[in-house]
Amino acid sequence: MAKTTNTMNNEALLDMVQKASFRYYWEGAEPYSGLALENTLGKKNMIATGASGFGIMAIITAVHRGFITREQAVKRMQKILVFLEKCEKHHGAVSHFYDGTTGKTAPFFGQNDNGGDLVETSFLFQGLLTARSFFDQQNAVEKKIRNTITKLWEAVEWNWYDKEKKNEFLTWHWSPDKKWIWDHKLIGWNETMITYILAMAAPKYNIPISMYYNGCNKLFECQ
């Protein structure tokens, strides 16, 4: 069978890549929650919360680029927020993985992985806060989207994850029964930086700006 190629300019190529990326989150979402499905063998309903933040931003991009309507995006956000309001949380923080059918934490990386994951919480809230800004119409549905996101945002106890209560470093993970067994401090110029930025900006349970610089300086000391 003869094969043909399609010549694309930069705009067409960007359309194709963005639409394919969006479809991964839109068509492949976990059905009960509308959030990002963790594509792991044997796990049909496991949600990845950090990836879900990226998925929410992909939905907003899709509206801008005409892949879906605003009404479709609103409907998906309603579904997502119903799940996030009810799912198990740990001092306001979400877990790395959830069972989409129950909203319970899914300890995928072993029994110690049964609590709040502060970095995955940060990735999720990047998307949620973007959505709060995007859904700005003055109707009842979009107002409820904004209000629900604000409620979830205000409930995250970022300062709880200052394990030593010395205003030095945040700790990645806390378990309700194993406490700080994963004693991993957030250090360095890497994916954890967004956690400090959001924790500083939090409306209620925020941290001092000095903790952000502590994380950076610790990296250089280690070198």
N, C-alpha and C. Protein backbone atom coordinates (compact mmCIF):
# COMPACT_ATOMS: atom_id res chain seq x y z
N MET A 1 0.84 -1.19 0.00
CA MET A 1 0.00 0.00 0.00
C MET A 1 0.88 1.25 0.00
N ALA A 2 0.58 2.15 -0.89
CA ALA A 2 1.38 3.36 -1.00
C ALA A 2 1.15 4.26 0.21
N LYS A 3 2.21 4.90 0.63
CA LYS A 3 2.15 5.82 1.76
C LYS A 3 2.29 7.25 1.27
N THR A 4 1.60 8.15 1.93
CA THR A 4 1.72 9.56 1.59
C THR A 4 2.07 10.34 2.84
N THR A 5 2.66 11.47 2.65
CA THR A 5 2.97 12.37 3.77
C THR A 5 2.22 13.67 3.57
N ASN A 6 2.01 14.35 4.70
CA ASN A 6 1.28 15.62 4.68
C ASN A 6 2.24 16.72 5.09
N THR A 7 2.49 17.62 4.18
CA THR A 7 3.38 18.74 4.49
C THR A 7 2.68 19.71 5.43
N MET A 8 3.36 20.07 6.52
CA MET A 8 2.78 20.95 7.53
C MET A 8 3.64 22.18 7.71
N ASN A 9 2.97 23.31 7.93
CA ASN A 9 3.70 24.48 8.40
C ASN A 9 3.76 24.43 9.93
N ASN A 10 4.40 25.40 10.53
CA ASN A 10 4.59 25.38 11.98
C ASN A 10 3.26 25.39 12.73
N GLU A 11 2.30 26.16 12.24
CA GLU A 11 1.02 26.25 12.92
C GLU A 11 0.27 24.92 12.88
N ALA A 12 0.28 24.26 11.73
CA ALA A 12 -0.40 22.97 11.60
C ALA A 12 0.25 21.92 12.49
N LEU A 13 1.58 21.95 12.56
CA LEU A 13 2.29 21.01 13.41
C LEU A 13 1.94 21.24 14.88
N LEU A 14 1.88 22.50 15.29
CA LEU A 14 1.52 22.82 16.67
C LEU A 14 0.10 22.36 16.97
N ASP A 15 -0.80 22.57 16.01
CA ASP A 15 -2.18 22.09 16.19
C ASP A 15 -2.21 20.59 16.43
N MET A 16 -1.49 19.85 15.62
CA MET A 16 -1.50 18.40 15.73
C MET A 16 -0.95 17.94 17.07
N VAL A 17 0.17 18.52 17.49
CA VAL A 17 0.80 18.11 18.75
C VAL A 17 -0.09 18.47 19.94
N GLN A 18 -0.63 19.68 19.94
CA GLN A 18 -1.47 20.11 21.05
C GLN A 18 -2.76 19.30 21.12
N LYS A 19 -3.33 19.01 19.97
CA LYS A 19 -4.58 18.25 19.98
C LYS A 19 -4.34 16.82 20.47
N ALA A 20 -3.24 16.22 20.05
CA ALA A 20 -2.92 14.86 20.50
C ALA A 20 -2.66 14.85 22.00
N SER A 21 -1.95 15.85 22.50
CA SER A 21 -1.67 15.92 23.94
C SER A 21 -2.96 16.10 24.73
N PHE A 22 -3.82 16.97 24.23
CA PHE A 22 -5.10 17.18 24.88
C PHE A 22 -5.94 15.91 24.89
N ARG A 23 -6.01 15.20 23.79
CA ARG A 23 -6.85 14.01 23.69
C ARG A 23 -6.40 12.94 24.69
N TYR A 24 -5.12 12.92 25.01
CA TYR A 24 -4.64 11.96 26.01
C TYR A 24 -5.37 12.16 27.33
N TYR A 25 -5.53 13.41 27.74
CA TYR A 25 -6.21 13.72 29.00
C TYR A 25 -7.73 13.69 28.87
N TRP A 26 -8.24 14.07 27.72
CA TRP A 26 -9.68 14.20 27.54
C TRP A 26 -10.35 12.85 27.29
N GLU A 27 -9.86 12.14 26.30
CA GLU A 27 -10.48 10.86 25.93
C GLU A 27 -10.00 9.72 26.83
N GLY A 28 -8.81 9.85 27.37
CA GLY A 28 -8.25 8.79 28.20
C GLY A 28 -8.42 9.02 29.69
N ALA A 29 -9.29 9.94 30.08
CA ALA A 29 -9.46 10.25 31.50
C ALA A 29 -10.08 9.08 32.25
N GLU A 30 -9.79 9.02 33.55
CA GLU A 30 -10.43 8.04 34.41
C GLU A 30 -11.93 8.37 34.44
N PRO A 31 -12.81 7.40 34.17
CA PRO A 31 -14.21 7.74 33.90
C PRO A 31 -15.01 8.30 35.06
N TYR A 32 -14.71 7.91 36.29
CA TYR A 32 -15.51 8.35 37.42
C TYR A 32 -15.16 9.77 37.87
N SER A 33 -13.90 10.14 37.70
CA SER A 33 -13.43 11.43 38.21
C SER A 33 -13.16 12.47 37.13
N GLY A 34 -12.90 12.02 35.92
CA GLY A 34 -12.50 12.93 34.86
C GLY A 34 -11.05 13.34 34.94
N LEU A 35 -10.30 12.77 35.86
CA LEU A 35 -8.89 13.12 36.05
C LEU A 35 -7.98 12.17 35.27
N ALA A 36 -6.69 12.44 35.32
CA ALA A 36 -5.73 11.70 34.51
C ALA A 36 -5.61 10.26 34.98
N LEU A 37 -5.79 9.34 34.06
CA LEU A 37 -5.66 7.92 34.36
C LEU A 37 -4.19 7.53 34.36
N GLU A 38 -3.76 6.85 35.41
CA GLU A 38 -2.40 6.31 35.45
C GLU A 38 -2.39 5.02 34.64
N ASN A 39 -1.72 5.06 33.51
CA ASN A 39 -1.76 3.94 32.57
C ASN A 39 -0.79 2.85 33.02
N THR A 40 -1.20 2.09 34.03
CA THR A 40 -0.39 1.03 34.60
C THR A 40 -1.12 -0.29 34.47
N LEU A 41 -0.42 -1.30 34.04
CA LEU A 41 -1.01 -2.62 33.84
C LEU A 41 -1.73 -3.09 35.10
N GLY A 42 -2.98 -3.48 34.94
CA GLY A 42 -3.76 -3.99 36.06
C GLY A 42 -4.46 -2.93 36.88
N LYS A 43 -4.23 -1.66 36.58
CA LYS A 43 -4.87 -0.57 37.31
C LYS A 43 -5.81 0.18 36.37
N LYS A 44 -7.10 -0.12 36.44
CA LYS A 44 -8.05 0.44 35.49
C LYS A 44 -8.63 1.77 35.94
N ASN A 45 -8.54 2.06 37.22
CA ASN A 45 -9.19 3.28 37.73
C ASN A 45 -8.28 4.06 38.67
N MET A 46 -6.98 4.00 38.43
CA MET A 46 -6.06 4.72 39.30
C MET A 46 -5.72 6.09 38.71
N ILE A 47 -5.90 7.10 39.52
CA ILE A 47 -5.70 8.48 39.11
C ILE A 47 -4.31 8.96 39.52
N ALA A 48 -3.66 9.69 38.63
CA ALA A 48 -2.41 10.38 38.95
C ALA A 48 -2.74 11.85 39.16
N THR A 49 -2.61 12.34 40.39
CA THR A 49 -3.08 13.69 40.68
C THR A 49 -2.19 14.78 40.07
N GLY A 50 -0.88 14.58 40.09
CA GLY A 50 -0.01 15.59 39.50
C GLY A 50 -0.28 15.76 38.02
N ALA A 51 -0.37 14.64 37.31
CA ALA A 51 -0.68 14.68 35.88
C ALA A 51 -2.05 15.30 35.64
N SER A 52 -2.94 15.17 36.60
CA SER A 52 -4.27 15.76 36.45
C SER A 52 -4.21 17.28 36.38
N GLY A 53 -3.25 17.89 37.07
CA GLY A 53 -3.07 19.33 36.96
C GLY A 53 -2.69 19.73 35.55
N PHE A 54 -1.82 18.94 34.92
CA PHE A 54 -1.45 19.21 33.53
C PHE A 54 -2.66 19.01 32.62
N GLY A 55 -3.47 17.98 32.95
CA GLY A 55 -4.66 17.72 32.15
C GLY A 55 -5.66 18.86 32.21
N ILE A 56 -5.81 19.48 33.37
CA ILE A 56 -6.73 20.61 33.50
C ILE A 56 -6.25 21.77 32.63
N MET A 57 -4.95 22.02 32.62
CA MET A 57 -4.42 23.08 31.76
C MET A 57 -4.59 22.74 30.29
N ALA A 58 -4.49 21.44 29.96
CA ALA A 58 -4.70 21.03 28.56
C ALA A 58 -6.14 21.29 28.14
N ILE A 59 -7.09 21.11 29.04
CA ILE A 59 -8.50 21.38 28.74
C ILE A 59 -8.70 22.86 28.42
N ILE A 60 -8.07 23.71 29.21
CA ILE A 60 -8.20 25.15 28.97
C ILE A 60 -7.59 25.53 27.61
N THR A 61 -6.42 24.96 27.31
CA THR A 61 -5.80 25.19 26.00
C THR A 61 -6.71 24.74 24.88
N ALA A 62 -7.39 23.60 25.10
CA ALA A 62 -8.28 23.06 24.07
C ALA A 62 -9.45 24.00 23.77
N VAL A 63 -9.95 24.68 24.80
CA VAL A 63 -11.01 25.67 24.57
C VAL A 63 -10.47 26.82 23.72
N HIS A 64 -9.30 27.32 24.07
CA HIS A 64 -8.70 28.43 23.32
C HIS A 64 -8.49 28.05 21.86
N ARG A 65 -8.11 26.81 21.61
CA ARG A 65 -7.76 26.40 20.25
C ARG A 65 -8.94 25.77 19.50
N GLY A 66 -10.10 25.76 20.13
CA GLY A 66 -11.29 25.31 19.44
C GLY A 66 -11.45 23.81 19.33
N PHE A 67 -10.72 23.05 20.14
CA PHE A 67 -10.86 21.59 20.09
C PHE A 67 -12.15 21.14 20.79
N ILE A 68 -12.56 21.86 21.82
CA ILE A 68 -13.82 21.62 22.52
C ILE A 68 -14.46 22.97 22.82
N THR A 69 -15.72 22.93 23.23
CA THR A 69 -16.40 24.17 23.59
C THR A 69 -16.16 24.49 25.07
N ARG A 70 -16.44 25.71 25.41
CA ARG A 70 -16.34 26.11 26.81
C ARG A 70 -17.32 25.30 27.66
N GLU A 71 -18.49 25.04 27.11
CA GLU A 71 -19.51 24.27 27.84
C GLU A 71 -19.02 22.86 28.14
N GLN A 72 -18.33 22.24 27.20
CA GLN A 72 -17.76 20.91 27.44
C GLN A 72 -16.71 20.96 28.55
N ALA A 73 -15.89 21.99 28.53
CA ALA A 73 -14.86 22.14 29.56
C ALA A 73 -15.48 22.36 30.94
N VAL A 74 -16.54 23.15 31.00
CA VAL A 74 -17.24 23.40 32.26
C VAL A 74 -17.78 22.08 32.81
N LYS A 75 -18.39 21.28 31.96
CA LYS A 75 -18.96 20.01 32.41
C LYS A 75 -17.88 19.09 32.97
N ARG A 76 -16.72 19.04 32.31
CA ARG A 76 -15.64 18.20 32.82
C ARG A 76 -15.10 18.74 34.15
N MET A 77 -14.98 20.06 34.26
CA MET A 77 -14.49 20.63 35.51
C MET A 77 -15.45 20.36 36.66
N GLN A 78 -16.74 20.39 36.39
CA GLN A 78 -17.71 20.06 37.43
C GLN A 78 -17.48 18.64 37.95
N LYS A 79 -17.26 17.72 37.04
CA LYS A 79 -17.02 16.32 37.40
C LYS A 79 -15.74 16.19 38.23
N ILE A 80 -14.69 16.86 37.79
CA ILE A 80 -13.41 16.82 38.49
C ILE A 80 -13.55 17.36 39.92
N LEU A 81 -14.24 18.47 40.06
CA LEU A 81 -14.33 19.11 41.37
C LEU A 81 -15.23 18.34 42.33
N VAL A 82 -16.25 17.68 41.82
CA VAL A 82 -17.05 16.82 42.69
C VAL A 82 -16.16 15.74 43.30
N PHE A 83 -15.29 15.17 42.49
CA PHE A 83 -14.38 14.13 43.00
C PHE A 83 -13.38 14.72 44.00
N LEU A 84 -12.78 15.84 43.66
CA LEU A 84 -11.75 16.41 44.52
C LEU A 84 -12.31 16.89 45.86
N GLU A 85 -13.54 17.32 45.88
CA GLU A 85 -14.14 17.71 47.15
C GLU A 85 -14.31 16.51 48.08
N LYS A 86 -14.59 15.34 47.52
CA LYS A 86 -14.93 14.18 48.33
C LYS A 86 -13.74 13.26 48.60
N CYS A 87 -12.70 13.31 47.79
CA CYS A 87 -11.61 12.34 47.92
C CYS A 87 -10.85 12.54 49.23
N GLU A 88 -10.19 11.48 49.66
CA GLU A 88 -9.42 11.50 50.90
C GLU A 88 -8.25 12.47 50.77
N LYS A 89 -8.09 13.32 51.77
CA LYS A 89 -6.99 14.28 51.78
C LYS A 89 -6.25 14.21 53.11
N HIS A 90 -5.05 14.79 53.13
CA HIS A 90 -4.18 14.68 54.29
C HIS A 90 -3.68 16.08 54.66
N HIS A 91 -4.36 16.69 55.63
CA HIS A 91 -4.12 18.09 55.96
C HIS A 91 -4.26 18.95 54.71
N GLY A 92 -5.28 18.65 53.94
CA GLY A 92 -5.59 19.42 52.74
C GLY A 92 -4.83 19.00 51.50
N ALA A 93 -3.73 18.29 51.67
CA ALA A 93 -2.93 17.85 50.53
C ALA A 93 -3.50 16.57 49.94
N VAL A 94 -3.30 16.38 48.66
CA VAL A 94 -3.77 15.17 48.00
C VAL A 94 -2.66 14.13 47.96
N SER A 95 -3.06 12.91 47.68
CA SER A 95 -2.11 11.81 47.54
C SER A 95 -1.60 11.76 46.10
N HIS A 96 -0.54 11.00 45.92
CA HIS A 96 0.02 10.83 44.57
C HIS A 96 -0.99 10.11 43.67
N PHE A 97 -1.63 9.07 44.20
CA PHE A 97 -2.56 8.28 43.43
C PHE A 97 -3.86 8.07 44.20
N TYR A 98 -4.96 7.94 43.45
CA TYR A 98 -6.27 7.64 44.04
C TYR A 98 -6.96 6.54 43.25
N ASP A 99 -7.84 5.85 43.93
CA ASP A 99 -8.80 4.98 43.26
C ASP A 99 -9.97 5.86 42.82
N GLY A 100 -10.19 5.92 41.52
CA GLY A 100 -11.22 6.80 41.00
C GLY A 100 -12.63 6.38 41.38
N THR A 101 -12.82 5.13 41.73
CA THR A 101 -14.16 4.67 42.08
C THR A 101 -14.53 4.98 43.52
N THR A 102 -13.52 5.14 44.39
CA THR A 102 -13.79 5.34 45.81
C THR A 102 -13.30 6.67 46.35
N GLY A 103 -12.32 7.29 45.69
CA GLY A 103 -11.72 8.51 46.23
C GLY A 103 -10.72 8.24 47.33
N LYS A 104 -10.37 6.98 47.53
CA LYS A 104 -9.41 6.62 48.57
C LYS A 104 -7.98 6.66 48.01
N THR A 105 -7.04 7.00 48.89
CA THR A 105 -5.63 6.99 48.52
C THR A 105 -5.23 5.59 48.04
N ALA A 106 -4.49 5.54 46.93
CA ALA A 106 -4.00 4.28 46.39
C ALA A 106 -2.49 4.21 46.64
N PRO A 107 -2.02 3.41 47.60
CA PRO A 107 -0.59 3.35 47.93
C PRO A 107 0.20 2.55 46.91
N PHE A 108 0.38 3.12 45.73
CA PHE A 108 0.97 2.39 44.60
C PHE A 108 2.44 2.05 44.84
N PHE A 109 3.17 2.92 45.51
CA PHE A 109 4.59 2.68 45.74
C PHE A 109 4.84 1.99 47.09
N GLY A 110 3.89 1.21 47.54
CA GLY A 110 4.05 0.49 48.80
C GLY A 110 3.21 1.11 49.90
N GLN A 111 3.14 0.42 51.02
CA GLN A 111 2.25 0.82 52.11
C GLN A 111 2.64 2.15 52.75
N ASN A 112 3.86 2.58 52.57
CA ASN A 112 4.25 3.90 53.08
C ASN A 112 3.69 5.04 52.24
N ASP A 113 3.24 4.72 51.04
CA ASP A 113 2.73 5.72 50.10
C ASP A 113 1.23 5.92 50.29
N ASN A 114 0.82 6.13 51.52
CA ASN A 114 -0.62 6.18 51.82
C ASN A 114 -1.05 7.52 52.42
N GLY A 115 -0.31 8.58 52.10
CA GLY A 115 -0.63 9.87 52.69
C GLY A 115 -0.62 11.00 51.69
N GLY A 116 -0.31 12.20 52.19
CA GLY A 116 -0.28 13.39 51.37
C GLY A 116 1.05 13.54 50.66
N ASP A 117 1.01 13.89 49.39
CA ASP A 117 2.21 14.12 48.58
C ASP A 117 2.21 15.60 48.20
N LEU A 118 3.12 16.36 48.77
CA LEU A 118 3.07 17.81 48.62
C LEU A 118 3.44 18.27 47.22
N VAL A 119 4.34 17.56 46.56
CA VAL A 119 4.73 17.96 45.21
C VAL A 119 3.61 17.66 44.22
N GLU A 120 2.99 16.48 44.33
CA GLU A 120 1.86 16.18 43.46
C GLU A 120 0.69 17.14 43.73
N THR A 121 0.53 17.53 44.98
CA THR A 121 -0.47 18.55 45.31
C THR A 121 -0.18 19.84 44.56
N SER A 122 1.08 20.21 44.49
CA SER A 122 1.46 21.44 43.78
C SER A 122 1.13 21.36 42.30
N PHE A 123 1.44 20.22 41.68
CA PHE A 123 1.15 20.07 40.25
C PHE A 123 -0.36 20.15 39.99
N LEU A 124 -1.14 19.54 40.87
CA LEU A 124 -2.59 19.61 40.71
C LEU A 124 -3.08 21.04 40.82
N PHE A 125 -2.57 21.78 41.81
CA PHE A 125 -3.07 23.13 42.03
C PHE A 125 -2.58 24.12 41.00
N GLN A 126 -1.50 23.85 40.31
CA GLN A 126 -1.16 24.69 39.17
C GLN A 126 -2.32 24.70 38.17
N GLY A 127 -2.85 23.51 37.91
CA GLY A 127 -3.97 23.42 36.99
C GLY A 127 -5.23 24.02 37.54
N LEU A 128 -5.53 23.74 38.81
CA LEU A 128 -6.76 24.26 39.41
C LEU A 128 -6.76 25.78 39.47
N LEU A 129 -5.65 26.39 39.82
CA LEU A 129 -5.60 27.84 39.91
C LEU A 129 -5.67 28.49 38.52
N THR A 130 -5.11 27.80 37.53
CA THR A 130 -5.27 28.28 36.16
C THR A 130 -6.74 28.25 35.76
N ALA A 131 -7.42 27.16 36.14
CA ALA A 131 -8.85 27.04 35.84
C ALA A 131 -9.67 28.10 36.56
N ARG A 132 -9.29 28.40 37.80
CA ARG A 132 -10.01 29.43 38.56
C ARG A 132 -9.94 30.77 37.85
N SER A 133 -8.81 31.06 37.24
CA SER A 133 -8.66 32.31 36.51
C SER A 133 -9.41 32.27 35.18
N PHE A 134 -9.40 31.11 34.54
CA PHE A 134 -10.01 31.00 33.20
C PHE A 134 -11.53 31.04 33.25
N PHE A 135 -12.12 30.33 34.18
CA PHE A 135 -13.59 30.28 34.24
C PHE A 135 -14.11 31.50 35.01
N ASP A 136 -14.14 32.61 34.32
CA ASP A 136 -14.38 33.90 34.95
C ASP A 136 -15.75 34.49 34.64
N GLN A 137 -16.61 33.74 34.00
CA GLN A 137 -17.92 34.29 33.67
C GLN A 137 -18.80 34.38 34.91
N GLN A 138 -19.70 35.36 34.89
CA GLN A 138 -20.52 35.64 36.07
C GLN A 138 -21.85 34.88 36.02
N ASN A 139 -21.75 33.58 35.82
CA ASN A 139 -22.94 32.74 35.91
C ASN A 139 -22.76 31.78 37.08
N ALA A 140 -23.85 31.13 37.47
CA ALA A 140 -23.81 30.31 38.69
C ALA A 140 -22.83 29.15 38.58
N VAL A 141 -22.75 28.55 37.41
CA VAL A 141 -21.90 27.36 37.25
C VAL A 141 -20.42 27.73 37.38
N GLU A 142 -20.00 28.77 36.67
CA GLU A 142 -18.58 29.14 36.72
C GLU A 142 -18.22 29.77 38.06
N LYS A 143 -19.15 30.45 38.68
CA LYS A 143 -18.89 30.94 40.04
C LYS A 143 -18.65 29.79 41.00
N LYS A 144 -19.43 28.73 40.84
CA LYS A 144 -19.24 27.56 41.72
C LYS A 144 -17.90 26.90 41.46
N ILE A 145 -17.47 26.83 40.21
CA ILE A 145 -16.14 26.29 39.91
C ILE A 145 -15.08 27.09 40.64
N ARG A 146 -15.15 28.41 40.54
CA ARG A 146 -14.15 29.25 41.21
C ARG A 146 -14.20 29.09 42.72
N ASN A 147 -15.39 29.08 43.27
CA ASN A 147 -15.53 28.98 44.72
C ASN A 147 -15.04 27.63 45.25
N THR A 148 -15.30 26.58 44.50
CA THR A 148 -14.84 25.26 44.94
C THR A 148 -13.33 25.16 44.90
N ILE A 149 -12.72 25.69 43.84
CA ILE A 149 -11.26 25.68 43.77
C ILE A 149 -10.67 26.50 44.91
N THR A 150 -11.26 27.63 45.20
CA THR A 150 -10.77 28.46 46.31
C THR A 150 -10.86 27.70 47.63
N LYS A 151 -11.95 27.00 47.84
CA LYS A 151 -12.13 26.21 49.06
C LYS A 151 -11.04 25.14 49.18
N LEU A 152 -10.76 24.44 48.09
CA LEU A 152 -9.71 23.41 48.11
C LEU A 152 -8.34 24.04 48.33
N TRP A 153 -8.09 25.16 47.69
CA TRP A 153 -6.81 25.88 47.78
C TRP A 153 -6.56 26.36 49.21
N GLU A 154 -7.58 26.90 49.83
CA GLU A 154 -7.42 27.41 51.19
C GLU A 154 -7.24 26.30 52.23
N ALA A 155 -7.65 25.09 51.88
CA ALA A 155 -7.59 23.98 52.84
C ALA A 155 -6.23 23.29 52.91
N VAL A 156 -5.35 23.56 51.96
CA VAL A 156 -4.05 22.88 51.96
C VAL A 156 -3.17 23.47 53.06
N GLU A 157 -2.78 22.64 54.00
CA GLU A 157 -1.96 23.08 55.13
C GLU A 157 -0.48 22.91 54.77
N TRP A 158 0.01 23.83 53.96
CA TRP A 158 1.40 23.76 53.51
C TRP A 158 2.37 23.77 54.70
N ASN A 159 2.07 24.59 55.69
CA ASN A 159 2.99 24.70 56.82
C ASN A 159 3.00 23.45 57.71
N TRP A 160 1.98 22.61 57.59
CA TRP A 160 1.99 21.33 58.32
C TRP A 160 3.18 20.48 57.86
N TYR A 161 3.53 20.61 56.57
CA TYR A 161 4.60 19.80 56.00
C TYR A 161 5.98 20.36 56.30
N ASP A 162 6.04 21.36 57.15
CA ASP A 162 7.31 21.77 57.78
C ASP A 162 7.49 20.84 58.98
N LYS A 163 8.06 19.69 58.73
CA LYS A 163 8.13 18.63 59.72
C LYS A 163 8.77 19.09 61.02
N GLU A 164 9.88 19.79 60.94
CA GLU A 164 10.66 20.16 62.13
C GLU A 164 10.21 21.47 62.75
N LYS A 165 9.29 22.16 62.11
CA LYS A 165 8.75 23.44 62.60
C LYS A 165 9.86 24.45 62.90
N LYS A 166 10.82 24.48 62.00
CA LYS A 166 11.93 25.43 62.13
C LYS A 166 11.97 26.43 60.99
N ASN A 167 10.96 26.41 60.13
CA ASN A 167 10.92 27.29 58.96
C ASN A 167 12.16 27.14 58.08
N GLU A 168 12.60 25.87 57.91
CA GLU A 168 13.77 25.61 57.08
C GLU A 168 13.39 24.93 55.77
N PHE A 169 12.78 23.76 55.86
CA PHE A 169 12.45 23.00 54.65
C PHE A 169 11.06 22.37 54.79
N LEU A 170 10.42 22.21 53.65
CA LEU A 170 9.21 21.40 53.60
C LEU A 170 9.60 19.93 53.39
N THR A 171 8.77 19.04 53.89
CA THR A 171 8.98 17.61 53.70
C THR A 171 7.94 17.09 52.72
N TRP A 172 8.36 16.18 51.87
CA TRP A 172 7.58 15.76 50.71
C TRP A 172 6.28 15.06 51.09
N HIS A 173 6.35 14.18 52.08
CA HIS A 173 5.26 13.23 52.27
C HIS A 173 4.93 13.06 53.74
N TRP A 174 3.64 12.92 54.06
CA TRP A 174 3.20 12.60 55.41
C TRP A 174 2.12 11.52 55.34
N SER A 175 2.24 10.51 56.19
CA SER A 175 1.30 9.40 56.24
C SER A 175 0.50 9.47 57.53
N PRO A 176 -0.80 9.20 57.49
CA PRO A 176 -1.62 9.29 58.70
C PRO A 176 -1.26 8.26 59.76
N ASP A 177 -0.66 7.13 59.36
CA ASP A 177 -0.29 6.12 60.35
C ASP A 177 1.21 5.92 60.47
N LYS A 178 1.97 6.29 59.44
CA LYS A 178 3.42 6.12 59.47
C LYS A 178 4.15 7.45 59.60
N LYS A 179 3.37 8.50 59.66
CA LYS A 179 3.88 9.86 59.90
C LYS A 179 4.92 10.24 58.86
N TRP A 180 6.14 10.59 59.30
CA TRP A 180 7.17 11.13 58.41
C TRP A 180 8.17 10.04 58.00
N ILE A 181 7.70 8.83 57.78
CA ILE A 181 8.61 7.72 57.48
C ILE A 181 9.42 7.99 56.21
N TRP A 182 8.82 8.70 55.27
CA TRP A 182 9.57 9.13 54.09
C TRP A 182 10.08 10.55 54.38
N ASP A 183 11.18 10.64 55.04
CA ASP A 183 11.73 11.93 55.49
C ASP A 183 12.57 12.55 54.37
N HIS A 184 11.87 13.04 53.37
CA HIS A 184 12.55 13.58 52.19
C HIS A 184 12.28 15.08 52.10
N LYS A 185 13.30 15.87 52.35
CA LYS A 185 13.16 17.33 52.29
C LYS A 185 13.13 17.80 50.84
N LEU A 186 12.40 18.87 50.60
CA LEU A 186 12.33 19.47 49.27
C LEU A 186 13.52 20.40 49.08
N ILE A 187 14.47 19.99 48.28
CA ILE A 187 15.74 20.70 48.13
C ILE A 187 16.10 20.79 46.65
N GLY A 188 16.54 21.99 46.21
CA GLY A 188 17.18 22.12 44.92
C GLY A 188 16.34 22.79 43.84
N TRP A 189 17.02 23.05 42.72
CA TRP A 189 16.38 23.66 41.55
C TRP A 189 15.81 22.54 40.69
N ASN A 190 14.59 22.17 40.98
CA ASN A 190 13.98 21.03 40.32
C ASN A 190 12.45 21.16 40.42
N GLU A 191 11.75 20.06 40.29
CA GLU A 191 10.29 20.12 40.28
C GLU A 191 9.70 20.58 41.60
N THR A 192 10.48 20.57 42.67
CA THR A 192 9.94 20.95 43.97
C THR A 192 9.83 22.47 44.16
N MET A 193 10.44 23.24 43.26
CA MET A 193 10.41 24.69 43.42
C MET A 193 8.99 25.24 43.41
N ILE A 194 8.12 24.65 42.56
CA ILE A 194 6.75 25.13 42.49
C ILE A 194 6.04 24.95 43.83
N THR A 195 6.44 23.93 44.59
CA THR A 195 5.82 23.71 45.89
C THR A 195 6.09 24.88 46.82
N TYR A 196 7.33 25.34 46.87
CA TYR A 196 7.65 26.48 47.72
C TYR A 196 6.91 27.74 47.25
N ILE A 197 6.81 27.92 45.92
CA ILE A 197 6.14 29.11 45.41
C ILE A 197 4.66 29.12 45.82
N LEU A 198 3.99 27.98 45.65
CA LEU A 198 2.59 27.91 46.04
C LEU A 198 2.43 28.00 47.56
N ALA A 199 3.32 27.38 48.29
CA ALA A 199 3.24 27.42 49.76
C ALA A 199 3.42 28.83 50.29
N MET A 200 4.28 29.62 49.65
CA MET A 200 4.45 31.01 50.06
C MET A 200 3.21 31.84 49.73
N ALA A 201 2.55 31.49 48.62
CA ALA A 201 1.41 32.27 48.15
C ALA A 201 0.09 31.84 48.78
N ALA A 202 0.10 30.78 49.55
CA ALA A 202 -1.14 30.23 50.09
C ALA A 202 -1.88 31.27 50.94
N PRO A 203 -3.21 31.30 50.83
CA PRO A 203 -3.98 32.33 51.54
C PRO A 203 -4.09 32.11 53.04
N LYS A 204 -3.92 30.88 53.52
CA LYS A 204 -4.08 30.61 54.95
C LYS A 204 -2.83 29.96 55.56
N TYR A 205 -2.50 28.77 55.13
CA TYR A 205 -1.44 28.00 55.79
C TYR A 205 -0.13 28.16 55.03
N ASN A 206 0.32 29.41 54.93
CA ASN A 206 1.51 29.67 54.12
C ASN A 206 2.80 29.51 54.92
N ILE A 207 3.91 29.64 54.20
CA ILE A 207 5.24 29.51 54.81
C ILE A 207 6.01 30.80 54.54
N PRO A 208 7.05 31.07 55.34
CA PRO A 208 7.86 32.28 55.09
C PRO A 208 8.70 32.15 53.82
N ILE A 209 8.97 33.28 53.20
CA ILE A 209 9.76 33.30 51.97
C ILE A 209 11.14 32.68 52.18
N SER A 210 11.67 32.79 53.38
CA SER A 210 13.01 32.26 53.67
C SER A 210 13.12 30.77 53.37
N MET A 211 12.03 30.03 53.46
CA MET A 211 12.09 28.59 53.22
C MET A 211 12.41 28.28 51.77
N TYR A 212 11.97 29.13 50.85
CA TYR A 212 12.30 28.95 49.44
C TYR A 212 13.82 29.06 49.25
N TYR A 213 14.42 30.07 49.86
CA TYR A 213 15.86 30.26 49.71
C TYR A 213 16.65 29.19 50.45
N ASN A 214 16.12 28.69 51.53
CA ASN A 214 16.78 27.59 52.22
C ASN A 214 16.92 26.38 51.30
N GLY A 215 15.86 26.07 50.57
CA GLY A 215 15.91 24.94 49.66
C GLY A 215 16.96 25.12 48.59
N CYS A 216 17.08 26.31 48.04
CA CYS A 216 18.07 26.58 47.00
C CYS A 216 19.48 26.53 47.58
N ASN A 217 19.71 27.17 48.73
CA ASN A 217 21.05 27.22 49.31
C ASN A 217 21.54 25.83 49.71
N LYS A 218 20.64 24.98 50.16
CA LYS A 218 21.03 23.64 50.56
C LYS A 218 21.60 22.88 49.37
N LEU A 219 21.07 23.11 48.20
CA LEU A 219 21.58 22.44 47.00
C LEU A 219 23.03 22.83 46.78
N PHE A 220 23.35 24.12 46.89
CA PHE A 220 24.70 24.57 46.62
C PHE A 220 25.68 24.09 47.69
N GLU A 221 25.20 23.99 48.94
CA GLU A 221 26.04 23.46 49.99
C GLU A 221 26.44 22.01 49.70
N CYS A 222 25.47 21.25 49.15
CA CYS A 222 25.74 19.84 48.84
C CYS A 222 26.77 19.71 47.73
N GLN A 223 26.86 20.70 46.84
CA GLN A 223 27.84 20.63 45.75
C GLN A 223 29.22 21.04 46.26
